[in-house]
Amino acid sequence: MRVLGVDPGLTRCGVGVVEGVAGRPLTMVGVGVVRTPADADLGHRLVAVEQGIEQWLDEHRPEYVAVERVFSQHNVRTVMGTAQASAVAILCASRRGIPVALHTPSEVKAAVTGSGRADKAQVGAMVTRLLRLAAPPKPADAADALALAICHIWRAPAQNRLQQAVALHASRAPRTPPVPKGRTT
């Protein structure tokens, strides 16, 4: 499985591609950051993020895209930019028919470090160890993108089994017959 992880942001949008399957050693295929100038207008910044993500999709041909789920922060301006960059990543993948998964920061931290409260240094250290890298990817946005991809590779099989079980249960559930017109129950 090849996954493009996206740590959304307007100034720095982390991107990283990881390949592998749960239970086996993983391989980093590529890592980087899509940057936009903070003084550019919003439209130009979003186009730059789109172009950067499209380049990564063209070059690495992932089977899945994992994007950090935007969560509420105290700084509304920051969360808006993050949400906008997230939407661009989702749009780029969806336009190509690539499935997109959203993972919360605590899910990613828990998957990679064992603790949903891990700090950026711990995430970077574990990404380095899990992918057998010489040093943690810089900046932290790049390491976070790799962590998202790792999280998805490890969580996807369990999530797929849960979805299949829910679908099977729903198909076997007794259906309530419709109430004839004019009658109340």
N, C-alpha and C. Protein backbone atom coordinates (compact mmCIF):
# COMPACT_ATOMS: atom_id res chain seq x y z
N MET A 1 0.86 -1.17 0.00
CA MET A 1 0.00 0.00 0.00
C MET A 1 0.90 1.23 0.00
N ARG A 2 0.57 2.17 -0.87
CA ARG A 2 1.33 3.43 -0.95
C ARG A 2 0.40 4.57 -0.55
N VAL A 3 0.83 5.34 0.47
CA VAL A 3 -0.01 6.39 1.04
C VAL A 3 0.73 7.72 1.03
N LEU A 4 0.03 8.75 0.54
CA LEU A 4 0.52 10.12 0.64
C LEU A 4 -0.10 10.72 1.89
N GLY A 5 0.73 11.09 2.85
CA GLY A 5 0.26 11.79 4.05
C GLY A 5 0.37 13.28 3.82
N VAL A 6 -0.66 14.02 4.25
CA VAL A 6 -0.67 15.48 4.09
C VAL A 6 -0.95 16.12 5.44
N ASP A 7 0.02 16.91 5.91
CA ASP A 7 -0.14 17.72 7.11
C ASP A 7 -0.46 19.13 6.63
N PRO A 8 -1.77 19.47 6.55
CA PRO A 8 -2.17 20.70 5.86
C PRO A 8 -1.73 21.98 6.57
N GLY A 9 -1.40 22.95 5.75
CA GLY A 9 -1.06 24.28 6.24
C GLY A 9 -0.89 25.20 5.04
N LEU A 10 -1.13 26.46 5.22
CA LEU A 10 -0.99 27.40 4.10
C LEU A 10 0.46 27.82 3.89
N THR A 11 1.20 28.03 4.95
CA THR A 11 2.60 28.45 4.81
C THR A 11 3.49 27.24 4.53
N ARG A 12 3.28 26.17 5.29
CA ARG A 12 4.02 24.92 5.10
C ARG A 12 3.02 23.78 5.13
N CYS A 13 2.89 23.08 4.02
CA CYS A 13 2.01 21.91 3.92
C CYS A 13 2.92 20.69 3.80
N GLY A 14 3.01 19.91 4.87
CA GLY A 14 3.88 18.74 4.86
C GLY A 14 3.31 17.64 3.99
N VAL A 15 4.18 16.98 3.23
CA VAL A 15 3.77 15.86 2.38
C VAL A 15 4.81 14.75 2.53
N GLY A 16 4.32 13.52 2.61
CA GLY A 16 5.22 12.39 2.72
C GLY A 16 4.56 11.14 2.19
N VAL A 17 5.33 10.32 1.50
CA VAL A 17 4.82 9.08 0.93
C VAL A 17 5.51 7.91 1.60
N VAL A 18 4.68 6.98 2.08
CA VAL A 18 5.18 5.77 2.73
C VAL A 18 4.56 4.57 2.04
N GLU A 19 5.34 3.52 1.91
CA GLU A 19 4.86 2.30 1.27
C GLU A 19 5.06 1.13 2.22
N GLY A 20 4.09 0.23 2.23
CA GLY A 20 4.21 -0.97 3.05
C GLY A 20 2.85 -1.48 3.47
N VAL A 21 2.87 -2.48 4.35
CA VAL A 21 1.65 -3.05 4.90
C VAL A 21 1.83 -3.20 6.41
N ALA A 22 0.72 -3.26 7.10
CA ALA A 22 0.75 -3.41 8.55
C ALA A 22 1.50 -4.69 8.93
N GLY A 23 2.33 -4.58 9.93
CA GLY A 23 3.06 -5.74 10.42
C GLY A 23 4.38 -6.00 9.72
N ARG A 24 4.71 -5.21 8.72
CA ARG A 24 5.97 -5.36 7.99
C ARG A 24 6.73 -4.04 8.03
N PRO A 25 8.04 -4.08 7.80
CA PRO A 25 8.79 -2.82 7.76
C PRO A 25 8.25 -1.89 6.66
N LEU A 26 8.20 -0.61 6.97
CA LEU A 26 7.70 0.40 6.05
C LEU A 26 8.86 1.11 5.37
N THR A 27 8.58 1.70 4.20
CA THR A 27 9.60 2.41 3.45
C THR A 27 9.14 3.82 3.12
N MET A 28 10.00 4.79 3.39
CA MET A 28 9.70 6.15 2.97
C MET A 28 10.05 6.26 1.49
N VAL A 29 9.09 6.76 0.71
CA VAL A 29 9.30 6.94 -0.72
C VAL A 29 9.73 8.38 -1.00
N GLY A 30 9.16 9.32 -0.26
CA GLY A 30 9.52 10.73 -0.43
C GLY A 30 8.94 11.56 0.68
N VAL A 31 9.55 12.71 0.94
CA VAL A 31 9.07 13.61 1.98
C VAL A 31 9.44 15.04 1.59
N GLY A 32 8.57 15.97 1.94
CA GLY A 32 8.86 17.37 1.63
C GLY A 32 7.81 18.30 2.19
N VAL A 33 7.88 19.54 1.75
CA VAL A 33 6.95 20.57 2.21
C VAL A 33 6.58 21.42 1.00
N VAL A 34 5.29 21.68 0.86
CA VAL A 34 4.81 22.64 -0.14
C VAL A 34 4.73 23.97 0.59
N ARG A 35 5.48 24.96 0.12
CA ARG A 35 5.54 26.26 0.80
C ARG A 35 4.83 27.33 -0.02
N THR A 36 4.20 28.27 0.70
CA THR A 36 3.61 29.43 0.05
C THR A 36 4.04 30.67 0.83
N PRO A 37 4.21 31.80 0.15
CA PRO A 37 4.61 33.03 0.85
C PRO A 37 3.46 33.57 1.70
N ALA A 38 3.77 33.90 2.93
CA ALA A 38 2.76 34.39 3.87
C ALA A 38 2.15 35.71 3.42
N ASP A 39 2.85 36.47 2.58
CA ASP A 39 2.32 37.77 2.16
C ASP A 39 1.52 37.71 0.86
N ALA A 40 1.42 36.52 0.25
CA ALA A 40 0.64 36.37 -0.99
C ALA A 40 -0.85 36.33 -0.64
N ASP A 41 -1.70 36.66 -1.61
CA ASP A 41 -3.13 36.61 -1.31
C ASP A 41 -3.60 35.16 -1.25
N LEU A 42 -4.71 34.95 -0.58
CA LEU A 42 -5.21 33.61 -0.29
C LEU A 42 -5.38 32.76 -1.55
N GLY A 43 -5.97 33.32 -2.58
CA GLY A 43 -6.20 32.56 -3.80
C GLY A 43 -4.91 32.01 -4.39
N HIS A 44 -3.87 32.83 -4.45
CA HIS A 44 -2.59 32.39 -4.99
C HIS A 44 -1.96 31.30 -4.10
N ARG A 45 -2.13 31.44 -2.81
CA ARG A 45 -1.58 30.44 -1.89
C ARG A 45 -2.27 29.09 -2.06
N LEU A 46 -3.59 29.11 -2.22
CA LEU A 46 -4.33 27.86 -2.41
C LEU A 46 -3.96 27.20 -3.73
N VAL A 47 -3.77 28.01 -4.77
CA VAL A 47 -3.34 27.46 -6.06
C VAL A 47 -1.95 26.83 -5.93
N ALA A 48 -1.07 27.47 -5.18
CA ALA A 48 0.28 26.93 -4.98
C ALA A 48 0.22 25.60 -4.22
N VAL A 49 -0.64 25.51 -3.22
CA VAL A 49 -0.80 24.25 -2.48
C VAL A 49 -1.33 23.18 -3.43
N GLU A 50 -2.34 23.54 -4.23
CA GLU A 50 -2.90 22.58 -5.19
C GLU A 50 -1.82 22.07 -6.15
N GLN A 51 -1.05 22.98 -6.72
CA GLN A 51 -0.01 22.59 -7.67
C GLN A 51 1.02 21.68 -7.02
N GLY A 52 1.38 22.00 -5.79
CA GLY A 52 2.35 21.16 -5.08
C GLY A 52 1.82 19.76 -4.83
N ILE A 53 0.59 19.67 -4.38
CA ILE A 53 0.00 18.35 -4.11
C ILE A 53 -0.18 17.57 -5.41
N GLU A 54 -0.61 18.25 -6.46
CA GLU A 54 -0.75 17.59 -7.76
C GLU A 54 0.59 17.01 -8.23
N GLN A 55 1.68 17.74 -8.01
CA GLN A 55 3.01 17.23 -8.38
C GLN A 55 3.33 15.95 -7.61
N TRP A 56 3.02 15.94 -6.31
CA TRP A 56 3.28 14.76 -5.50
C TRP A 56 2.42 13.59 -5.96
N LEU A 57 1.17 13.86 -6.30
CA LEU A 57 0.29 12.79 -6.79
C LEU A 57 0.80 12.25 -8.13
N ASP A 58 1.24 13.14 -9.02
CA ASP A 58 1.77 12.71 -10.32
C ASP A 58 3.03 11.87 -10.16
N GLU A 59 3.93 12.35 -9.31
CA GLU A 59 5.23 11.70 -9.16
C GLU A 59 5.15 10.37 -8.40
N HIS A 60 4.33 10.30 -7.36
CA HIS A 60 4.36 9.13 -6.48
C HIS A 60 3.18 8.17 -6.63
N ARG A 61 2.13 8.57 -7.31
CA ARG A 61 0.97 7.70 -7.59
C ARG A 61 0.50 6.90 -6.37
N PRO A 62 0.10 7.59 -5.29
CA PRO A 62 -0.36 6.86 -4.10
C PRO A 62 -1.71 6.19 -4.34
N GLU A 63 -1.95 5.13 -3.58
CA GLU A 63 -3.24 4.44 -3.63
C GLU A 63 -4.25 5.09 -2.68
N TYR A 64 -3.73 5.77 -1.66
CA TYR A 64 -4.56 6.44 -0.65
C TYR A 64 -3.91 7.76 -0.29
N VAL A 65 -4.74 8.68 0.19
CA VAL A 65 -4.25 9.94 0.74
C VAL A 65 -4.79 10.06 2.15
N ALA A 66 -3.90 10.32 3.10
CA ALA A 66 -4.28 10.50 4.50
C ALA A 66 -4.02 11.95 4.88
N VAL A 67 -5.07 12.63 5.33
CA VAL A 67 -4.99 14.05 5.66
C VAL A 67 -5.31 14.23 7.14
N GLU A 68 -4.58 15.13 7.78
CA GLU A 68 -4.87 15.40 9.19
C GLU A 68 -6.23 16.08 9.29
N ARG A 69 -7.08 15.53 10.15
CA ARG A 69 -8.41 16.11 10.38
C ARG A 69 -8.23 17.42 11.14
N VAL A 70 -8.84 18.47 10.63
CA VAL A 70 -8.72 19.78 11.25
C VAL A 70 -9.47 19.78 12.58
N PHE A 71 -8.83 20.29 13.59
CA PHE A 71 -9.47 20.37 14.90
C PHE A 71 -9.50 21.82 15.34
N SER A 72 -10.36 22.11 16.27
CA SER A 72 -10.54 23.48 16.74
C SER A 72 -9.32 23.95 17.51
N GLN A 73 -8.89 25.13 17.18
CA GLN A 73 -7.79 25.77 17.90
C GLN A 73 -8.28 27.12 18.40
N HIS A 74 -7.51 27.72 19.26
CA HIS A 74 -7.87 29.04 19.77
C HIS A 74 -7.67 30.10 18.69
N ASN A 75 -6.70 29.90 17.81
CA ASN A 75 -6.41 30.87 16.77
C ASN A 75 -7.25 30.55 15.53
N VAL A 76 -8.35 31.27 15.34
CA VAL A 76 -9.28 31.01 14.24
C VAL A 76 -8.59 31.18 12.89
N ARG A 77 -7.71 32.15 12.78
CA ARG A 77 -7.02 32.39 11.51
C ARG A 77 -6.18 31.16 11.12
N THR A 78 -5.49 30.57 12.08
CA THR A 78 -4.68 29.39 11.81
C THR A 78 -5.55 28.21 11.40
N VAL A 79 -6.63 27.97 12.11
CA VAL A 79 -7.49 26.83 11.80
C VAL A 79 -8.15 27.02 10.44
N MET A 80 -8.47 28.23 10.05
CA MET A 80 -9.07 28.48 8.74
C MET A 80 -8.08 28.13 7.63
N GLY A 81 -6.84 28.58 7.76
CA GLY A 81 -5.83 28.25 6.76
C GLY A 81 -5.58 26.76 6.66
N THR A 82 -5.54 26.10 7.81
CA THR A 82 -5.35 24.66 7.84
C THR A 82 -6.52 23.95 7.16
N ALA A 83 -7.73 24.39 7.45
CA ALA A 83 -8.92 23.79 6.85
C ALA A 83 -8.93 24.01 5.34
N GLN A 84 -8.53 25.18 4.89
CA GLN A 84 -8.51 25.46 3.46
C GLN A 84 -7.48 24.59 2.75
N ALA A 85 -6.30 24.44 3.32
CA ALA A 85 -5.27 23.59 2.73
C ALA A 85 -5.71 22.12 2.75
N SER A 86 -6.39 21.73 3.81
CA SER A 86 -6.92 20.37 3.91
C SER A 86 -7.92 20.10 2.79
N ALA A 87 -8.81 21.06 2.56
CA ALA A 87 -9.82 20.92 1.50
C ALA A 87 -9.16 20.78 0.13
N VAL A 88 -8.08 21.51 -0.09
CA VAL A 88 -7.37 21.42 -1.37
C VAL A 88 -6.82 20.01 -1.55
N ALA A 89 -6.20 19.45 -0.50
CA ALA A 89 -5.64 18.10 -0.59
C ALA A 89 -6.74 17.07 -0.87
N ILE A 90 -7.86 17.20 -0.17
CA ILE A 90 -8.99 16.28 -0.36
C ILE A 90 -9.52 16.39 -1.78
N LEU A 91 -9.64 17.61 -2.28
CA LEU A 91 -10.13 17.84 -3.64
C LEU A 91 -9.20 17.21 -4.68
N CYS A 92 -7.90 17.44 -4.54
CA CYS A 92 -6.93 16.89 -5.50
C CYS A 92 -7.02 15.37 -5.57
N ALA A 93 -7.08 14.72 -4.42
CA ALA A 93 -7.17 13.26 -4.39
C ALA A 93 -8.50 12.78 -4.94
N SER A 94 -9.58 13.41 -4.52
CA SER A 94 -10.92 12.99 -4.95
C SER A 94 -11.11 13.17 -6.45
N ARG A 95 -10.55 14.22 -7.00
CA ARG A 95 -10.63 14.46 -8.45
C ARG A 95 -10.04 13.28 -9.22
N ARG A 96 -9.04 12.62 -8.64
CA ARG A 96 -8.38 11.48 -9.28
C ARG A 96 -8.99 10.14 -8.87
N GLY A 97 -9.98 10.17 -7.99
CA GLY A 97 -10.58 8.92 -7.53
C GLY A 97 -9.76 8.19 -6.49
N ILE A 98 -8.85 8.90 -5.84
CA ILE A 98 -8.01 8.29 -4.80
C ILE A 98 -8.75 8.41 -3.48
N PRO A 99 -8.95 7.29 -2.76
CA PRO A 99 -9.64 7.37 -1.47
C PRO A 99 -8.86 8.25 -0.48
N VAL A 100 -9.62 9.03 0.29
CA VAL A 100 -9.04 9.93 1.29
C VAL A 100 -9.50 9.50 2.68
N ALA A 101 -8.56 9.46 3.61
CA ALA A 101 -8.88 9.18 5.01
C ALA A 101 -8.44 10.37 5.84
N LEU A 102 -9.25 10.71 6.84
CA LEU A 102 -8.91 11.79 7.76
C LEU A 102 -8.57 11.19 9.11
N HIS A 103 -7.46 11.61 9.68
CA HIS A 103 -7.02 11.12 10.99
C HIS A 103 -6.76 12.32 11.90
N THR A 104 -7.23 12.23 13.14
CA THR A 104 -6.99 13.31 14.09
C THR A 104 -5.53 13.29 14.55
N PRO A 105 -5.03 14.42 15.01
CA PRO A 105 -3.66 14.44 15.52
C PRO A 105 -3.43 13.41 16.63
N SER A 106 -4.39 13.23 17.53
CA SER A 106 -4.19 12.26 18.62
C SER A 106 -4.18 10.83 18.10
N GLU A 107 -4.97 10.53 17.06
CA GLU A 107 -4.93 9.19 16.45
C GLU A 107 -3.55 8.91 15.86
N VAL A 108 -3.01 9.91 15.17
CA VAL A 108 -1.70 9.74 14.54
C VAL A 108 -0.62 9.55 15.60
N LYS A 109 -0.64 10.40 16.62
CA LYS A 109 0.35 10.29 17.69
C LYS A 109 0.27 8.94 18.37
N ALA A 110 -0.95 8.49 18.67
CA ALA A 110 -1.13 7.20 19.33
C ALA A 110 -0.64 6.05 18.45
N ALA A 111 -0.93 6.12 17.16
CA ALA A 111 -0.51 5.05 16.25
C ALA A 111 1.01 4.97 16.16
N VAL A 112 1.66 6.11 16.09
CA VAL A 112 3.10 6.14 15.85
C VAL A 112 3.92 6.01 17.13
N THR A 113 3.45 6.63 18.23
CA THR A 113 4.26 6.64 19.46
C THR A 113 3.67 5.79 20.58
N GLY A 114 2.39 5.48 20.48
CA GLY A 114 1.72 4.76 21.57
C GLY A 114 1.00 5.69 22.53
N SER A 115 1.18 6.99 22.35
CA SER A 115 0.51 7.97 23.21
C SER A 115 -0.10 9.08 22.35
N GLY A 116 -1.38 9.33 22.57
CA GLY A 116 -2.07 10.39 21.86
C GLY A 116 -1.65 11.78 22.30
N ARG A 117 -0.82 11.86 23.34
CA ARG A 117 -0.35 13.15 23.85
C ARG A 117 1.13 13.40 23.56
N ALA A 118 1.70 12.61 22.66
CA ALA A 118 3.13 12.75 22.34
C ALA A 118 3.40 14.14 21.75
N ASP A 119 4.62 14.63 21.98
CA ASP A 119 4.98 15.92 21.39
C ASP A 119 5.63 15.72 20.02
N LYS A 120 5.90 16.83 19.33
CA LYS A 120 6.44 16.75 17.97
C LYS A 120 7.79 16.03 17.94
N ALA A 121 8.61 16.23 18.95
CA ALA A 121 9.92 15.57 18.99
C ALA A 121 9.76 14.06 19.08
N GLN A 122 8.80 13.59 19.89
CA GLN A 122 8.56 12.15 20.01
C GLN A 122 8.05 11.56 18.69
N VAL A 123 7.15 12.29 18.02
CA VAL A 123 6.64 11.83 16.73
C VAL A 123 7.79 11.75 15.73
N GLY A 124 8.60 12.79 15.66
CA GLY A 124 9.74 12.80 14.74
C GLY A 124 10.71 11.66 15.02
N ALA A 125 10.97 11.40 16.29
CA ALA A 125 11.89 10.32 16.66
C ALA A 125 11.33 8.95 16.24
N MET A 126 10.05 8.74 16.45
CA MET A 126 9.45 7.45 16.09
C MET A 126 9.36 7.29 14.57
N VAL A 127 9.03 8.35 13.85
CA VAL A 127 9.01 8.28 12.38
C VAL A 127 10.40 7.90 11.89
N THR A 128 11.43 8.52 12.46
CA THR A 128 12.81 8.22 12.08
C THR A 128 13.13 6.75 12.32
N ARG A 129 12.72 6.26 13.46
CA ARG A 129 13.00 4.86 13.83
C ARG A 129 12.20 3.89 12.95
N LEU A 130 10.89 4.15 12.79
CA LEU A 130 10.03 3.25 12.03
C LEU A 130 10.42 3.16 10.56
N LEU A 131 10.90 4.28 10.02
CA LEU A 131 11.27 4.29 8.60
C LEU A 131 12.77 4.09 8.38
N ARG A 132 13.49 3.85 9.49
CA ARG A 132 14.93 3.60 9.44
C ARG A 132 15.68 4.73 8.72
N LEU A 133 15.40 5.96 9.16
CA LEU A 133 16.03 7.14 8.58
C LEU A 133 17.26 7.53 9.40
N ALA A 134 18.17 8.26 8.79
CA ALA A 134 19.37 8.71 9.50
C ALA A 134 19.06 9.83 10.48
N ALA A 135 18.05 10.66 10.17
CA ALA A 135 17.69 11.79 11.04
C ALA A 135 16.21 12.10 10.85
N PRO A 136 15.60 12.76 11.84
CA PRO A 136 14.19 13.13 11.68
C PRO A 136 14.00 14.09 10.51
N PRO A 137 12.95 13.91 9.73
CA PRO A 137 12.68 14.85 8.64
C PRO A 137 12.41 16.24 9.19
N LYS A 138 12.91 17.25 8.49
CA LYS A 138 12.70 18.65 8.88
C LYS A 138 11.97 19.35 7.75
N PRO A 139 11.10 20.29 8.03
CA PRO A 139 10.61 20.68 9.34
C PRO A 139 9.64 19.63 9.89
N ALA A 140 9.09 19.92 11.06
CA ALA A 140 8.19 18.97 11.73
C ALA A 140 6.97 18.64 10.86
N ASP A 141 6.55 19.56 9.99
CA ASP A 141 5.40 19.30 9.11
C ASP A 141 5.67 18.09 8.22
N ALA A 142 6.91 17.93 7.77
CA ALA A 142 7.28 16.80 6.92
C ALA A 142 7.19 15.50 7.71
N ALA A 143 7.72 15.51 8.94
CA ALA A 143 7.64 14.32 9.79
C ALA A 143 6.19 13.98 10.11
N ASP A 144 5.37 15.00 10.33
CA ASP A 144 3.95 14.77 10.62
C ASP A 144 3.23 14.14 9.43
N ALA A 145 3.61 14.55 8.21
CA ALA A 145 3.01 13.96 7.01
C ALA A 145 3.35 12.48 6.91
N LEU A 146 4.60 12.12 7.21
CA LEU A 146 4.99 10.71 7.20
C LEU A 146 4.24 9.94 8.29
N ALA A 147 4.07 10.56 9.46
CA ALA A 147 3.32 9.92 10.55
C ALA A 147 1.88 9.65 10.13
N LEU A 148 1.27 10.58 9.40
CA LEU A 148 -0.09 10.37 8.89
C LEU A 148 -0.15 9.17 7.97
N ALA A 149 0.82 9.05 7.07
CA ALA A 149 0.84 7.91 6.15
C ALA A 149 1.03 6.60 6.91
N ILE A 150 1.93 6.60 7.88
CA ILE A 150 2.16 5.40 8.70
C ILE A 150 0.87 5.02 9.43
N CYS A 151 0.25 6.00 10.06
CA CYS A 151 -1.01 5.78 10.79
C CYS A 151 -2.04 5.12 9.87
N HIS A 152 -2.17 5.64 8.66
CA HIS A 152 -3.18 5.08 7.75
C HIS A 152 -2.84 3.65 7.35
N ILE A 153 -1.60 3.38 7.08
CA ILE A 153 -1.21 2.00 6.71
C ILE A 153 -1.55 1.05 7.85
N TRP A 154 -1.29 1.46 9.07
CA TRP A 154 -1.53 0.58 10.21
C TRP A 154 -3.01 0.48 10.57
N ARG A 155 -3.77 1.55 10.38
CA ARG A 155 -5.18 1.56 10.78
C ARG A 155 -6.14 1.09 9.70
N ALA A 156 -5.77 1.21 8.44
CA ALA A 156 -6.68 0.91 7.33
C ALA A 156 -7.23 -0.51 7.37
N PRO A 157 -6.41 -1.54 7.61
CA PRO A 157 -6.99 -2.90 7.62
C PRO A 157 -8.08 -3.07 8.68
N ALA A 158 -7.86 -2.53 9.87
CA ALA A 158 -8.87 -2.64 10.94
C ALA A 158 -10.11 -1.83 10.58
N GLN A 159 -9.92 -0.63 10.03
CA GLN A 159 -11.06 0.20 9.65
C GLN A 159 -11.87 -0.47 8.55
N ASN A 160 -11.19 -1.10 7.59
CA ASN A 160 -11.91 -1.80 6.52
C ASN A 160 -12.73 -2.96 7.06
N ARG A 161 -12.16 -3.71 8.00
CA ARG A 161 -12.90 -4.83 8.60
C ARG A 161 -14.12 -4.33 9.37
N LEU A 162 -13.97 -3.21 10.08
CA LEU A 162 -15.10 -2.64 10.81
C LEU A 162 -16.20 -2.19 9.84
N GLN A 163 -15.81 -1.53 8.76
CA GLN A 163 -16.79 -1.07 7.77
C GLN A 163 -17.52 -2.26 7.14
N GLN A 164 -16.78 -3.32 6.85
CA GLN A 164 -17.41 -4.52 6.26
C GLN A 164 -18.38 -5.15 7.26
N ALA A 165 -18.00 -5.18 8.53
CA ALA A 165 -18.88 -5.76 9.56
C ALA A 165 -20.15 -4.94 9.71
N VAL A 166 -20.02 -3.61 9.70
CA VAL A 166 -21.19 -2.74 9.81
C VAL A 166 -22.10 -2.93 8.61
N ALA A 167 -21.51 -3.01 7.41
CA ALA A 167 -22.31 -3.20 6.20
C ALA A 167 -23.02 -4.55 6.23
N LEU A 168 -22.34 -5.59 6.68
CA LEU A 168 -22.95 -6.92 6.77
C LEU A 168 -24.10 -6.91 7.77
N HIS A 169 -23.87 -6.29 8.92
CA HIS A 169 -24.91 -6.21 9.95
C HIS A 169 -26.13 -5.45 9.42
N ALA A 170 -25.88 -4.35 8.72
CA ALA A 170 -26.98 -3.55 8.18
C ALA A 170 -27.77 -4.35 7.14
N SER A 171 -27.07 -5.17 6.36
CA SER A 171 -27.78 -5.94 5.33
C SER A 171 -28.61 -7.07 5.93
N ARG A 172 -28.25 -7.52 7.12
CA ARG A 172 -28.98 -8.62 7.78
C ARG A 172 -30.05 -8.12 8.75
N ALA A 173 -30.03 -6.82 9.03
CA ALA A 173 -30.99 -6.28 10.01
C ALA A 173 -32.41 -6.40 9.47
N PRO A 174 -33.36 -6.78 10.34
CA PRO A 174 -34.75 -6.87 9.87
C PRO A 174 -35.24 -5.48 9.48
N ARG A 175 -35.98 -5.47 8.43
CA ARG A 175 -36.50 -4.19 7.93
C ARG A 175 -37.91 -4.01 8.44
N THR A 176 -38.21 -2.77 8.80
CA THR A 176 -39.55 -2.44 9.27
C THR A 176 -40.45 -2.24 8.05
N PRO A 177 -41.58 -2.96 8.00
CA PRO A 177 -42.46 -2.79 6.84
C PRO A 177 -43.04 -1.39 6.83
N PRO A 178 -43.29 -0.86 5.62
CA PRO A 178 -43.86 0.49 5.53
C PRO A 178 -45.28 0.51 6.09
N VAL A 179 -45.65 1.64 6.65
CA VAL A 179 -47.00 1.83 7.19
C VAL A 179 -47.90 2.20 6.02
N PRO A 180 -49.05 1.49 5.85
CA PRO A 180 -49.96 1.83 4.74
C PRO A 180 -50.45 3.27 4.89
N LYS A 181 -50.72 3.90 3.73
CA LYS A 181 -51.21 5.29 3.74
C LYS A 181 -52.53 5.37 4.46
N GLY A 182 -52.68 6.46 5.18
CA GLY A 182 -53.91 6.70 5.89
C GLY A 182 -53.95 6.08 7.28
N ARG A 183 -52.97 5.24 7.60
CA ARG A 183 -52.93 4.62 8.93
C ARG A 183 -51.80 5.23 9.74
N THR A 184 -51.99 5.29 11.00
CA THR A 184 -50.93 5.74 11.89
C THR A 184 -50.60 4.59 12.81
N THR A 185 -49.40 4.63 13.34
CA THR A 185 -48.99 3.53 14.23
C THR A 185 -49.13 3.92 15.66
